[in-house]
């Protein structure tokens, strides 16, 4: 049985689109699951930022840099409306974390938590 080049191309294109949409769907499901606790608590962005920073601190203290990174990324979005002091310490904590200085990151993240109240 012969297939035209356009038929084969069309089939591969359709499979590629379906595969791409499937992967995109899984990614958004995972992202929704990461943010679900924030929505369930009904807390303000400050509460969300504080929760994520607390979880990042716990992860850093236990040596889990991947989990810390996940929570720091979430906190970065939530802290935008907070005090300048909290944002400054959070920013310095992010710099320290990015450069591999876990102790410096912990110091600034704890200071950011204090500024958040």
PDB file of N, CA and C in Angstrom:
ATOM      1  N   UNK A   1       0.837  -1.153   0.000  1.00  0.00           N
ATOM      2  CA  UNK A   1       0.000   0.000   0.000  1.00  0.00           C
ATOM      3  C   UNK A   1       0.898   1.238   0.000  1.00  0.00           C
ATOM      4  N   UNK A   2       0.653   2.140  -0.932  1.00  0.00           N
ATOM      5  CA  UNK A   2       1.448   3.361  -1.047  1.00  0.00           C
ATOM      6  C   UNK A   2       0.759   4.510  -0.337  1.00  0.00           C
ATOM      7  N   UNK A   3       1.574   5.300   0.342  1.00  0.00           N
ATOM      8  CA  UNK A   3       1.061   6.505   0.979  1.00  0.00           C
ATOM      9  C   UNK A   3       1.751   7.709   0.353  1.00  0.00           C
ATOM     10  N   UNK A   4       1.018   8.724   0.103  1.00  0.00           N
ATOM     11  CA  UNK A   4       1.591   9.944  -0.443  1.00  0.00           C
ATOM     12  C   UNK A   4       2.400  10.648   0.639  1.00  0.00           C
ATOM     13  N   UNK A   5       3.393  11.363   0.223  1.00  0.00           N
ATOM     14  CA  UNK A   5       4.236  12.097   1.156  1.00  0.00           C
ATOM     15  C   UNK A   5       3.400  13.064   1.985  1.00  0.00           C
ATOM     16  N   UNK A   6       2.426  13.694   1.390  1.00  0.00           N
ATOM     17  CA  UNK A   6       1.593  14.630   2.147  1.00  0.00           C
ATOM     18  C   UNK A   6       0.752  13.914   3.194  1.00  0.00           C
ATOM     19  N   UNK A   7       0.317  12.689   2.912  1.00  0.00           N
ATOM     20  CA  UNK A   7      -0.462  11.924   3.882  1.00  0.00           C
ATOM     21  C   UNK A   7       0.399  11.581   5.088  1.00  0.00           C
ATOM     22  N   UNK A   8       1.603  11.122   4.833  1.00  0.00           N
ATOM     23  CA  UNK A   8       2.525  10.772   5.917  1.00  0.00           C
ATOM     24  C   UNK A   8       2.877  12.014   6.734  1.00  0.00           C
ATOM     25  N   UNK A   9       3.142  13.097   6.044  1.00  0.00           N
ATOM     26  CA  UNK A   9       3.467  14.342   6.736  1.00  0.00           C
ATOM     27  C   UNK A   9       2.300  14.798   7.599  1.00  0.00           C
ATOM     28  N   UNK A  10       1.096  14.703   7.070  1.00  0.00           N
ATOM     29  CA  UNK A  10      -0.096  15.104   7.816  1.00  0.00           C
ATOM     30  C   UNK A  10      -0.279  14.251   9.064  1.00  0.00           C
ATOM     31  N   UNK A  11      -0.070  12.936   8.940  1.00  0.00           N
ATOM     32  CA  UNK A  11      -0.210  12.035  10.085  1.00  0.00           C
ATOM     33  C   UNK A  11       0.827  12.374  11.153  1.00  0.00           C
ATOM     34  N   UNK A  12       2.086  12.567  10.749  1.00  0.00           N
ATOM     35  CA  UNK A  12       3.128  12.910  11.713  1.00  0.00           C
ATOM     36  C   UNK A  12       2.854  14.260  12.369  1.00  0.00           C
ATOM     37  N   UNK A  13       2.354  15.213  11.601  1.00  0.00           N
ATOM     38  CA  UNK A  13       2.023  16.518  12.150  1.00  0.00           C
ATOM     39  C   UNK A  13       0.898  16.407  13.181  1.00  0.00           C
ATOM     40  N   UNK A  14      -0.120  15.622  12.861  1.00  0.00           N
ATOM     41  CA  UNK A  14      -1.240  15.437  13.793  1.00  0.00           C
ATOM     42  C   UNK A  14      -0.777  14.765  15.075  1.00  0.00           C
ATOM     43  N   UNK A  15       0.050  13.735  14.948  1.00  0.00           N
ATOM     44  CA  UNK A  15       0.581  13.043  16.132  1.00  0.00           C
ATOM     45  C   UNK A  15       1.437  14.014  16.953  1.00  0.00           C
ATOM     46  N   UNK A  16       2.242  14.813  16.290  1.00  0.00           N
ATOM     47  CA  UNK A  16       3.077  15.787  16.991  1.00  0.00           C
ATOM     48  C   UNK A  16       2.255  16.808  17.754  1.00  0.00           C
ATOM     49  N   UNK A  17       1.186  17.303  17.125  1.00  0.00           N
ATOM     50  CA  UNK A  17       0.319  18.276  17.785  1.00  0.00           C
ATOM     51  C   UNK A  17      -0.363  17.640  18.992  1.00  0.00           C
ATOM     52  N   UNK A  18      -0.892  16.444  18.811  1.00  0.00           N
ATOM     53  CA  UNK A  18      -1.552  15.763  19.923  1.00  0.00           C
ATOM     54  C   UNK A  18      -0.583  15.488  21.063  1.00  0.00           C
ATOM     55  N   UNK A  19       0.622  15.044  20.719  1.00  0.00           N
ATOM     56  CA  UNK A  19       1.632  14.780  21.736  1.00  0.00           C
ATOM     57  C   UNK A  19       2.001  16.065  22.468  1.00  0.00           C
ATOM     58  N   UNK A  20       2.167  17.149  21.715  1.00  0.00           N
ATOM     59  CA  UNK A  20       2.503  18.443  22.317  1.00  0.00           C
ATOM     60  C   UNK A  20       1.406  18.927  23.242  1.00  0.00           C
ATOM     61  N   UNK A  21       0.155  18.785  22.833  1.00  0.00           N
ATOM     62  CA  UNK A  21      -0.956  19.211  23.679  1.00  0.00           C
ATOM     63  C   UNK A  21      -1.050  18.359  24.932  1.00  0.00           C
ATOM     64  N   UNK A  22      -0.754  17.080  24.802  1.00  0.00           N
ATOM     65  CA  UNK A  22      -0.784  16.191  25.962  1.00  0.00           C
ATOM     66  C   UNK A  22       0.271  16.615  26.973  1.00  0.00           C
ATOM     67  N   UNK A  23       1.486  16.883  26.509  1.00  0.00           N
ATOM     68  CA  UNK A  23       2.543  17.312  27.427  1.00  0.00           C
ATOM     69  C   UNK A  23       2.209  18.654  28.058  1.00  0.00           C
ATOM     70  N   UNK A  24       1.647  19.561  27.277  1.00  0.00           N
ATOM     71  CA  UNK A  24       1.262  20.861  27.811  1.00  0.00           C
ATOM     72  C   UNK A  24       0.190  20.694  28.879  1.00  0.00           C
ATOM     73  N   UNK A  25      -0.752  19.806  28.649  1.00  0.00           N
ATOM     74  CA  UNK A  25      -1.807  19.550  29.629  1.00  0.00           C
ATOM     75  C   UNK A  25      -1.246  19.029  30.930  1.00  0.00           C
ATOM     76  N   UNK A  26      -0.276  18.116  30.866  1.00  0.00           N
ATOM     77  CA  UNK A  26       0.320  17.586  32.086  1.00  0.00           C
ATOM     78  C   UNK A  26       1.087  18.664  32.828  1.00  0.00           C
ATOM     79  N   UNK A  27       1.766  19.535  32.093  1.00  0.00           N
ATOM     80  CA  UNK A  27       2.525  20.600  32.730  1.00  0.00           C
ATOM     81  C   UNK A  27       1.593  21.534  33.483  1.00  0.00           C
ATOM     82  N   UNK A  28       0.457  21.898  32.877  1.00  0.00           N
ATOM     83  CA  UNK A  28      -0.431  22.819  33.571  1.00  0.00           C
ATOM     84  C   UNK A  28      -1.098  22.145  34.765  1.00  0.00           C
ATOM     85  N   UNK A  29      -1.333  20.843  34.681  1.00  0.00           N
ATOM     86  CA  UNK A  29      -1.891  20.132  35.829  1.00  0.00           C
ATOM     87  C   UNK A  29      -0.900  20.163  36.981  1.00  0.00           C
ATOM     88  N   UNK A  30       0.376  19.915  36.679  1.00  0.00           N
ATOM     89  CA  UNK A  30       1.395  19.942  37.721  1.00  0.00           C
ATOM     90  C   UNK A  30       1.497  21.340  38.324  1.00  0.00           C
ATOM     91  N   UNK A  31       1.455  22.372  37.490  1.00  0.00           N
ATOM     92  CA  UNK A  31       1.539  23.740  37.999  1.00  0.00           C
ATOM     93  C   UNK A  31       0.333  24.070  38.863  1.00  0.00           C
ATOM     94  N   UNK A  32      -0.849  23.604  38.479  1.00  0.00           N
ATOM     95  CA  UNK A  32      -2.035  23.856  39.284  1.00  0.00           C
ATOM     96  C   UNK A  32      -1.913  23.171  40.634  1.00  0.00           C
ATOM     97  N   UNK A  33      -1.358  21.975  40.654  1.00  0.00           N
ATOM     98  CA  UNK A  33      -1.216  21.260  41.914  1.00  0.00           C
ATOM     99  C   UNK A  33      -0.240  21.969  42.842  1.00  0.00           C
ATOM    100  N   UNK A  34       0.775  22.626  42.284  1.00  0.00           N
ATOM    101  CA  UNK A  34       1.734  23.340  43.128  1.00  0.00           C
ATOM    102  C   UNK A  34       1.093  24.553  43.785  1.00  0.00           C
ATOM    103  N   UNK A  35       0.122  25.176  43.111  1.00  0.00           N
ATOM    104  CA  UNK A  35      -0.466  26.377  43.672  1.00  0.00           C
ATOM    105  C   UNK A  35      -1.734  26.094  44.466  1.00  0.00           C
ATOM    106  N   UNK A  36      -2.215  24.875  44.443  1.00  0.00           N
ATOM    107  CA  UNK A  36      -3.470  24.554  45.135  1.00  0.00           C
ATOM    108  C   UNK A  36      -3.450  24.885  46.617  1.00  0.00           C
ATOM    109  N   UNK A  37      -2.356  24.611  47.362  1.00  0.00           N
ATOM    110  CA  UNK A  37      -2.396  24.940  48.785  1.00  0.00           C
ATOM    111  C   UNK A  37      -2.626  26.424  49.050  1.00  0.00           C
ATOM    112  N   UNK A  38      -2.098  27.289  48.195  1.00  0.00           N
ATOM    113  CA  UNK A  38      -2.308  28.724  48.385  1.00  0.00           C
ATOM    114  C   UNK A  38      -3.781  29.067  48.234  1.00  0.00           C
ATOM    115  N   UNK A  39      -4.421  28.484  47.239  1.00  0.00           N
ATOM    116  CA  UNK A  39      -5.823  28.785  46.998  1.00  0.00           C
ATOM    117  C   UNK A  39      -6.703  28.201  48.090  1.00  0.00           C
ATOM    118  N   UNK A  40      -6.320  27.072  48.658  1.00  0.00           N
ATOM    119  CA  UNK A  40      -7.131  26.406  49.657  1.00  0.00           C
ATOM    120  C   UNK A  40      -7.106  27.144  50.993  1.00  0.00           C
ATOM    121  N   UNK A  41      -6.004  27.803  51.298  1.00  0.00           N
ATOM    122  CA  UNK A  41      -5.909  28.478  52.581  1.00  0.00           C
ATOM    123  C   UNK A  41      -6.642  29.807  52.580  1.00  0.00           C
ATOM    124  N   UNK A  42      -6.852  30.377  51.384  1.00  0.00           N
ATOM    125  CA  UNK A  42      -7.508  31.667  51.298  1.00  0.00           C
ATOM    126  C   UNK A  42      -6.652  32.787  51.861  1.00  0.00           C
ATOM    127  N   UNK A  43      -5.343  32.585  51.928  1.00  0.00           N
ATOM    128  CA  UNK A  43      -4.454  33.579  52.522  1.00  0.00           C
ATOM    129  C   UNK A  43      -4.109  34.651  51.500  1.00  0.00           C
ATOM    130  N   UNK A  44      -3.622  35.763  52.011  1.00  0.00           N
ATOM    131  CA  UNK A  44      -3.178  36.838  51.144  1.00  0.00           C
ATOM    132  C   UNK A  44      -1.845  36.468  50.522  1.00  0.00           C
ATOM    133  N   UNK A  45      -1.357  37.325  49.634  1.00  0.00           N
ATOM    134  CA  UNK A  45      -0.064  37.032  49.011  1.00  0.00           C
ATOM    135  C   UNK A  45       1.043  36.987  50.052  1.00  0.00           C
ATOM    136  N   UNK A  46       0.931  37.791  51.116  1.00  0.00           N
ATOM    137  CA  UNK A  46       1.929  37.765  52.184  1.00  0.00           C
ATOM    138  C   UNK A  46       1.955  36.423  52.878  1.00  0.00           C
ATOM    139  N   UNK A  47       0.776  35.854  53.136  1.00  0.00           N
ATOM    140  CA  UNK A  47       0.706  34.536  53.740  1.00  0.00           C
ATOM    141  C   UNK A  47       1.299  33.486  52.832  1.00  0.00           C
ATOM    142  N   UNK A  48       1.054  33.637  51.555  1.00  0.00           N
ATOM    143  CA  UNK A  48       1.596  32.708  50.568  1.00  0.00           C
ATOM    144  C   UNK A  48       3.117  32.838  50.493  1.00  0.00           C
ATOM    145  N   UNK A  49       3.600  34.070  50.444  1.00  0.00           N
ATOM    146  CA  UNK A  49       5.049  34.297  50.405  1.00  0.00           C
ATOM    147  C   UNK A  49       5.705  33.720  51.649  1.00  0.00           C
ATOM    148  N   UNK A  50       5.091  33.988  52.795  1.00  0.00           N
ATOM    149  CA  UNK A  50       5.650  33.505  54.063  1.00  0.00           C
ATOM    150  C   UNK A  50       5.693  31.981  54.090  1.00  0.00           C
ATOM    151  N   UNK A  51       4.604  31.347  53.662  1.00  0.00           N
ATOM    152  CA  UNK A  51       4.553  29.882  53.654  1.00  0.00           C
ATOM    153  C   UNK A  51       5.641  29.306  52.752  1.00  0.00           C
ATOM    154  N   UNK A  52       5.807  29.890  51.556  1.00  0.00           N
ATOM    155  CA  UNK A  52       6.816  29.373  50.635  1.00  0.00           C
ATOM    156  C   UNK A  52       8.236  29.609  51.148  1.00  0.00           C
ATOM    157  N   UNK A  53       8.463  30.744  51.779  1.00  0.00           N
ATOM    158  CA  UNK A  53       9.794  31.005  52.342  1.00  0.00           C
ATOM    159  C   UNK A  53      10.065  30.043  53.490  1.00  0.00           C
ATOM    160  N   UNK A  54       9.063  29.811  54.344  1.00  0.00           N
ATOM    161  CA  UNK A  54       9.239  28.843  55.440  1.00  0.00           C
ATOM    162  C   UNK A  54       9.578  27.454  54.893  1.00  0.00           C
ATOM    163  N   UNK A  55       8.892  27.043  53.846  1.00  0.00           N
ATOM    164  CA  UNK A  55       9.172  25.727  53.251  1.00  0.00           C
ATOM    165  C   UNK A  55      10.548  25.695  52.597  1.00  0.00           C
ATOM    166  N   UNK A  56      10.959  26.803  52.001  1.00  0.00           N
ATOM    167  CA  UNK A  56      12.299  26.880  51.398  1.00  0.00           C
ATOM    168  C   UNK A  56      13.370  26.780  52.476  1.00  0.00           C
ATOM    169  N   UNK A  57      13.148  27.449  53.602  1.00  0.00           N
ATOM    170  CA  UNK A  57      14.101  27.390  54.722  1.00  0.00           C
ATOM    171  C   UNK A  57      14.218  25.952  55.223  1.00  0.00           C
ATOM    172  N   UNK A  58      13.080  25.291  55.420  1.00  0.00           N
ATOM    173  CA  UNK A  58      13.105  23.890  55.868  1.00  0.00           C
ATOM    174  C   UNK A  58      13.882  23.020  54.877  1.00  0.00           C
ATOM    175  N   UNK A  59      13.636  23.232  53.594  1.00  0.00           N
ATOM    176  CA  UNK A  59      14.312  22.433  52.571  1.00  0.00           C
ATOM    177  C   UNK A  59      15.811  22.701  52.570  1.00  0.00           C
ATOM    178  N   UNK A  60      16.198  23.967  52.682  1.00  0.00           N
ATOM    179  CA  UNK A  60      17.626  24.300  52.720  1.00  0.00           C
ATOM    180  C   UNK A  60      18.301  23.711  53.954  1.00  0.00           C
ATOM    181  N   UNK A  61      17.616  23.791  55.086  1.00  0.00           N
ATOM    182  CA  UNK A  61      18.195  23.241  56.312  1.00  0.00           C
ATOM    183  C   UNK A  61      18.387  21.731  56.228  1.00  0.00           C
ATOM    184  N   UNK A  62      17.556  21.066  55.431  1.00  0.00           N
ATOM    185  CA  UNK A  62      17.712  19.613  55.272  1.00  0.00           C
ATOM    186  C   UNK A  62      18.561  19.256  54.059  1.00  0.00           C
ATOM    187  N   UNK A  63      19.048  20.278  53.327  1.00  0.00           N
ATOM    188  CA  UNK A  63      19.929  20.033  52.185  1.00  0.00           C
ATOM    189  C   UNK A  63      19.205  19.756  50.870  1.00  0.00           C
ATOM    190  N   UNK A  64      17.907  19.965  50.818  1.00  0.00           N
ATOM    191  CA  UNK A  64      17.124  19.700  49.608  1.00  0.00           C
ATOM    192  C   UNK A  64      17.017  20.975  48.776  1.00  0.00           C
ATOM    193  N   UNK A  65      18.003  21.198  47.928  1.00  0.00           N
ATOM    194  CA  UNK A  65      18.065  22.439  47.153  1.00  0.00           C
ATOM    195  C   UNK A  65      17.000  22.493  46.058  1.00  0.00           C
ATOM    196  N   UNK A  66      16.598  21.358  45.528  1.00  0.00           N
ATOM    197  CA  UNK A  66      15.568  21.338  44.489  1.00  0.00           C
ATOM    198  C   UNK A  66      14.225  21.823  45.038  1.00  0.00           C
ATOM    199  N   UNK A  67      13.825  21.312  46.192  1.00  0.00           N
ATOM    200  CA  UNK A  67      12.572  21.741  46.803  1.00  0.00           C
ATOM    201  C   UNK A  67      12.665  23.205  47.221  1.00  0.00           C
ATOM    202  N   UNK A  68      13.820  23.603  47.743  1.00  0.00           N
ATOM    203  CA  UNK A  68      14.019  25.010  48.114  1.00  0.00           C
ATOM    204  C   UNK A  68      13.837  25.901  46.897  1.00  0.00           C
ATOM    205  N   UNK A  69      14.398  25.511  45.788  1.00  0.00           N
ATOM    206  CA  UNK A  69      14.280  26.293  44.556  1.00  0.00           C
ATOM    207  C   UNK A  69      12.825  26.425  44.115  1.00  0.00           C
ATOM    208  N   UNK A  70      12.076  25.342  44.210  1.00  0.00           N
ATOM    209  CA  UNK A  70      10.661  25.370  43.838  1.00  0.00           C
ATOM    210  C   UNK A  70       9.893  26.368  44.703  1.00  0.00           C
ATOM    211  N   UNK A  71      10.121  26.332  46.009  1.00  0.00           N
ATOM    212  CA  UNK A  71       9.409  27.234  46.905  1.00  0.00           C
ATOM    213  C   UNK A  71       9.887  28.678  46.766  1.00  0.00           C
ATOM    214  N   UNK A  72      11.157  28.869  46.499  1.00  0.00           N
ATOM    215  CA  UNK A  72      11.667  30.231  46.309  1.00  0.00           C
ATOM    216  C   UNK A  72      11.067  30.864  45.056  1.00  0.00           C
ATOM    217  N   UNK A  73      10.904  30.072  44.023  1.00  0.00           N
ATOM    218  CA  UNK A  73      10.288  30.577  42.796  1.00  0.00           C
ATOM    219  C   UNK A  73       8.848  31.004  43.064  1.00  0.00           C
ATOM    220  N   UNK A  74       8.112  30.195  43.797  1.00  0.00           N
ATOM    221  CA  UNK A  74       6.729  30.541  44.137  1.00  0.00           C
ATOM    222  C   UNK A  74       6.681  31.773  45.039  1.00  0.00           C
ATOM    223  N   UNK A  75       7.597  31.861  45.986  1.00  0.00           N
ATOM    224  CA  UNK A  75       7.634  33.004  46.906  1.00  0.00           C
ATOM    225  C   UNK A  75       7.969  34.286  46.161  1.00  0.00           C
ATOM    226  N   UNK A  76       8.810  34.168  45.156  1.00  0.00           N
ATOM    227  CA  UNK A  76       9.227  35.337  44.384  1.00  0.00           C
ATOM    228  C   UNK A  76       8.013  36.020  43.737  1.00  0.00           C
ATOM    229  N   UNK A  77       7.066  35.250  43.287  1.00  0.00           N
ATOM    230  CA  UNK A  77       5.862  35.816  42.683  1.00  0.00           C
ATOM    231  C   UNK A  77       4.951  36.420  43.749  1.00  0.00           C
ATOM    232  N   UNK A  78       4.896  35.803  44.911  1.00  0.00           N
ATOM    233  CA  UNK A  78       3.954  36.220  45.950  1.00  0.00           C
ATOM    234  C   UNK A  78       4.445  37.403  46.774  1.00  0.00           C
ATOM    235  N   UNK A  79       5.735  37.681  46.785  1.00  0.00           N
ATOM    236  CA  UNK A  79       6.273  38.700  47.697  1.00  0.00           C
ATOM    237  C   UNK A  79       6.204  40.118  47.114  1.00  0.00           C
ATOM    238  N   UNK A  80       5.781  40.245  45.887  1.00  0.00           N
ATOM    239  CA  UNK A  80       5.832  41.547  45.203  1.00  0.00           C
ATOM    240  C   UNK A  80       5.106  42.672  45.939  1.00  0.00           C
ATOM    241  N   UNK A  81       4.031  42.388  46.642  1.00  0.00           N
ATOM    242  CA  UNK A  81       3.284  43.439  47.322  1.00  0.00           C
ATOM    243  C   UNK A  81       3.667  43.647  48.774  1.00  0.00           C
ATOM    244  N   UNK A  82       4.764  43.074  49.198  1.00  0.00           N
ATOM    245  CA  UNK A  82       5.157  43.132  50.612  1.00  0.00           C
ATOM    246  C   UNK A  82       6.105  44.300  50.886  1.00  0.00           C
ATOM    247  N   UNK A  83       6.524  44.422  52.144  1.00  0.00           N
ATOM    248  CA  UNK A  83       7.384  45.539  52.559  1.00  0.00           C
ATOM    249  C   UNK A  83       8.721  45.504  51.819  1.00  0.00           C
ATOM    250  N   UNK A  84       9.307  46.696  51.706  1.00  0.00           N
ATOM    251  CA  UNK A  84      10.606  46.803  51.034  1.00  0.00           C
ATOM    252  C   UNK A  84      11.671  45.983  51.753  1.00  0.00           C
ATOM    253  N   UNK A  85      11.596  45.957  53.091  1.00  0.00           N
ATOM    254  CA  UNK A  85      12.584  45.206  53.869  1.00  0.00           C
ATOM    255  C   UNK A  85      12.459  43.708  53.579  1.00  0.00           C
ATOM    256  N   UNK A  86      11.242  43.194  53.526  1.00  0.00           N
ATOM    257  CA  UNK A  86      11.037  41.772  53.227  1.00  0.00           C
ATOM    258  C   UNK A  86      11.543  41.461  51.820  1.00  0.00           C
ATOM    259  N   UNK A  87      11.229  42.337  50.869  1.00  0.00           N
ATOM    260  CA  UNK A  87      11.671  42.114  49.487  1.00  0.00           C
ATOM    261  C   UNK A  87      13.194  42.179  49.374  1.00  0.00           C
ATOM    262  N   UNK A  88      13.816  43.127  50.105  1.00  0.00           N
ATOM    263  CA  UNK A  88      15.271  43.260  50.058  1.00  0.00           C
ATOM    264  C   UNK A  88      15.944  42.000  50.589  1.00  0.00           C
ATOM    265  N   UNK A  89      15.494  41.519  51.752  1.00  0.00           N
ATOM    266  CA  UNK A  89      16.106  40.315  52.319  1.00  0.00           C
ATOM    267  C   UNK A  89      15.832  39.099  51.440  1.00  0.00           C
ATOM    268  N   UNK A  90      14.630  39.032  50.890  1.00  0.00           N
ATOM    269  CA  UNK A  90      14.322  37.918  49.994  1.00  0.00           C
ATOM    270  C   UNK A  90      15.246  37.951  48.772  1.00  0.00           C
ATOM    271  N   UNK A  91      15.425  39.125  48.195  1.00  0.00           N
ATOM    272  CA  UNK A  91      16.314  39.274  47.032  1.00  0.00           C
ATOM    273  C   UNK A  91      17.747  38.872  47.350  1.00  0.00           C
ATOM    274  N   UNK A  92      18.229  39.297  48.518  1.00  0.00           N
ATOM    275  CA  UNK A  92      19.591  38.927  48.928  1.00  0.00           C
ATOM    276  C   UNK A  92      19.685  37.421  49.186  1.00  0.00           C
ATOM    277  N   UNK A  93      18.615  36.848  49.737  1.00  0.00           N
ATOM    278  CA  UNK A  93      18.582  35.400  49.938  1.00  0.00           C
ATOM    279  C   UNK A  93      18.622  34.652  48.620  1.00  0.00           C
ATOM    280  N   UNK A  94      17.907  35.174  47.620  1.00  0.00           N
ATOM    281  CA  UNK A  94      17.922  34.558  46.291  1.00  0.00           C
ATOM    282  C   UNK A  94      19.311  34.628  45.663  1.00  0.00           C
ATOM    283  N   UNK A  95      19.969  35.777  45.818  1.00  0.00           N
ATOM    284  CA  UNK A  95      21.334  35.923  45.282  1.00  0.00           C
ATOM    285  C   UNK A  95      22.263  34.902  45.934  1.00  0.00           C
ATOM    286  N   UNK A  96      22.177  34.801  47.254  1.00  0.00           N
ATOM    287  CA  UNK A  96      23.037  33.860  47.979  1.00  0.00           C
ATOM    288  C   UNK A  96      22.736  32.427  47.543  1.00  0.00           C
ATOM    289  N   UNK A  97      21.460  32.097  47.436  1.00  0.00           N
ATOM    290  CA  UNK A  97      21.069  30.745  47.010  1.00  0.00           C
ATOM    291  C   UNK A  97      21.600  30.446  45.607  1.00  0.00           C
ATOM    292  N   UNK A  98      21.472  31.412  44.709  1.00  0.00           N
ATOM    293  CA  UNK A  98      21.928  31.231  43.326  1.00  0.00           C
ATOM    294  C   UNK A  98      23.433  31.032  43.240  1.00  0.00           C
ATOM    295  N   UNK A  99      24.167  31.651  44.160  1.00  0.00           N
ATOM    296  CA  UNK A  99      25.623  31.502  44.133  1.00  0.00           C
ATOM    297  C   UNK A  99      26.105  30.305  44.953  1.00  0.00           C
ATOM    298  N   UNK A 100      25.154  29.546  45.514  1.00  0.00           N
ATOM    299  CA  UNK A 100      25.531  28.339  46.257  1.00  0.00           C
ATOM    300  C   UNK A 100      25.797  28.569  47.734  1.00  0.00           C
ATOM    301  N   UNK A 101      25.506  29.760  48.232  1.00  0.00           N
ATOM    302  CA  UNK A 101      25.751  30.092  49.637  1.00  0.00           C
ATOM    303  C   UNK A 101      24.490  29.813  50.456  1.00  0.00           C
ATOM    304  N   UNK A 102      24.332  28.579  50.885  1.00  0.00           N
ATOM    305  CA  UNK A 102      23.134  28.195  51.634  1.00  0.00           C
ATOM    306  C   UNK A 102      23.021  28.931  52.964  1.00  0.00           C
ATOM    307  N   UNK A 103      24.139  29.141  53.644  1.00  0.00           N
ATOM    308  CA  UNK A 103      24.102  29.841  54.936  1.00  0.00           C
ATOM    309  C   UNK A 103      23.648  31.289  54.768  1.00  0.00           C
ATOM    310  N   UNK A 104      24.178  31.963  53.767  1.00  0.00           N
ATOM    311  CA  UNK A 104      23.752  33.339  53.485  1.00  0.00           C
ATOM    312  C   UNK A 104      22.284  33.395  53.079  1.00  0.00           C
ATOM    313  N   UNK A 105      21.867  32.414  52.284  1.00  0.00           N
ATOM    314  CA  UNK A 105      20.459  32.355  51.871  1.00  0.00           C
ATOM    315  C   UNK A 105      19.566  32.180  53.087  1.00  0.00           C
ATOM    316  N   UNK A 106      19.934  31.263  53.979  1.00  0.00           N
ATOM    317  CA  UNK A 106      19.140  31.029  55.184  1.00  0.00           C
ATOM    318  C   UNK A 106      19.044  32.286  56.042  1.00  0.00           C
ATOM    319  N   UNK A 107      20.159  32.983  56.209  1.00  0.00           N
ATOM    320  CA  UNK A 107      20.177  34.187  57.034  1.00  0.00           C
ATOM    321  C   UNK A 107      19.190  35.223  56.478  1.00  0.00           C
ATOM    322  N   UNK A 108      19.256  35.481  55.176  1.00  0.00           N
ATOM    323  CA  UNK A 108      18.386  36.498  54.581  1.00  0.00           C
ATOM    324  C   UNK A 108      16.937  36.036  54.498  1.00  0.00           C
ATOM    325  N   UNK A 109      16.714  34.770  54.234  1.00  0.00           N
ATOM    326  CA  UNK A 109      15.333  34.287  54.169  1.00  0.00           C
ATOM    327  C   UNK A 109      14.657  34.353  55.538  1.00  0.00           C
ATOM    328  N   UNK A 110      15.426  34.063  56.591  1.00  0.00           N
ATOM    329  CA  UNK A 110      14.855  34.185  57.945  1.00  0.00           C
ATOM    330  C   UNK A 110      14.564  35.639  58.278  1.00  0.00           C
ATOM    331  N   UNK A 111      15.418  36.551  57.816  1.00  0.00           N
ATOM    332  CA  UNK A 111      15.172  37.981  58.027  1.00  0.00           C
ATOM    333  C   UNK A 111      13.932  38.423  57.240  1.00  0.00           C
ATOM    334  N   UNK A 112      13.746  37.887  56.051  1.00  0.00           N
ATOM    335  CA  UNK A 112      12.561  38.201  55.258  1.00  0.00           C
ATOM    336  C   UNK A 112      11.299  37.698  55.982  1.00  0.00           C
ATOM    337  N   UNK A 113      11.394  36.526  56.592  1.00  0.00           N
ATOM    338  CA  UNK A 113      10.259  36.012  57.356  1.00  0.00           C
ATOM    339  C   UNK A 113       9.913  36.923  58.510  1.00  0.00           C
ATOM    340  N   UNK A 114      10.915  37.425  59.197  1.00  0.00           N
ATOM    341  CA  UNK A 114      10.657  38.348  60.303  1.00  0.00           C
ATOM    342  C   UNK A 114       9.993  39.624  59.804  1.00  0.00           C
ATOM    343  N   UNK A 115      10.439  40.107  58.649  1.00  0.00           N
ATOM    344  CA  UNK A 115       9.856  41.325  58.087  1.00  0.00           C
ATOM    345  C   UNK A 115       8.410  41.106  57.644  1.00  0.00           C
ATOM    346  N   UNK A 116       8.090  39.860  57.277  1.00  0.00           N
ATOM    347  CA  UNK A 116       6.722  39.548  56.875  1.00  0.00           C
ATOM    348  C   UNK A 116       5.790  39.422  58.083  1.00  0.00           C
ATOM    349  N   UNK A 117       6.384  39.222  59.256  1.00  0.00           N
ATOM    350  CA  UNK A 117       5.584  39.170  60.483  1.00  0.00           C
ATOM    351  C   UNK A 117       5.144  37.834  60.926  1.00  0.00           C
TER     352      UNK A 117
END
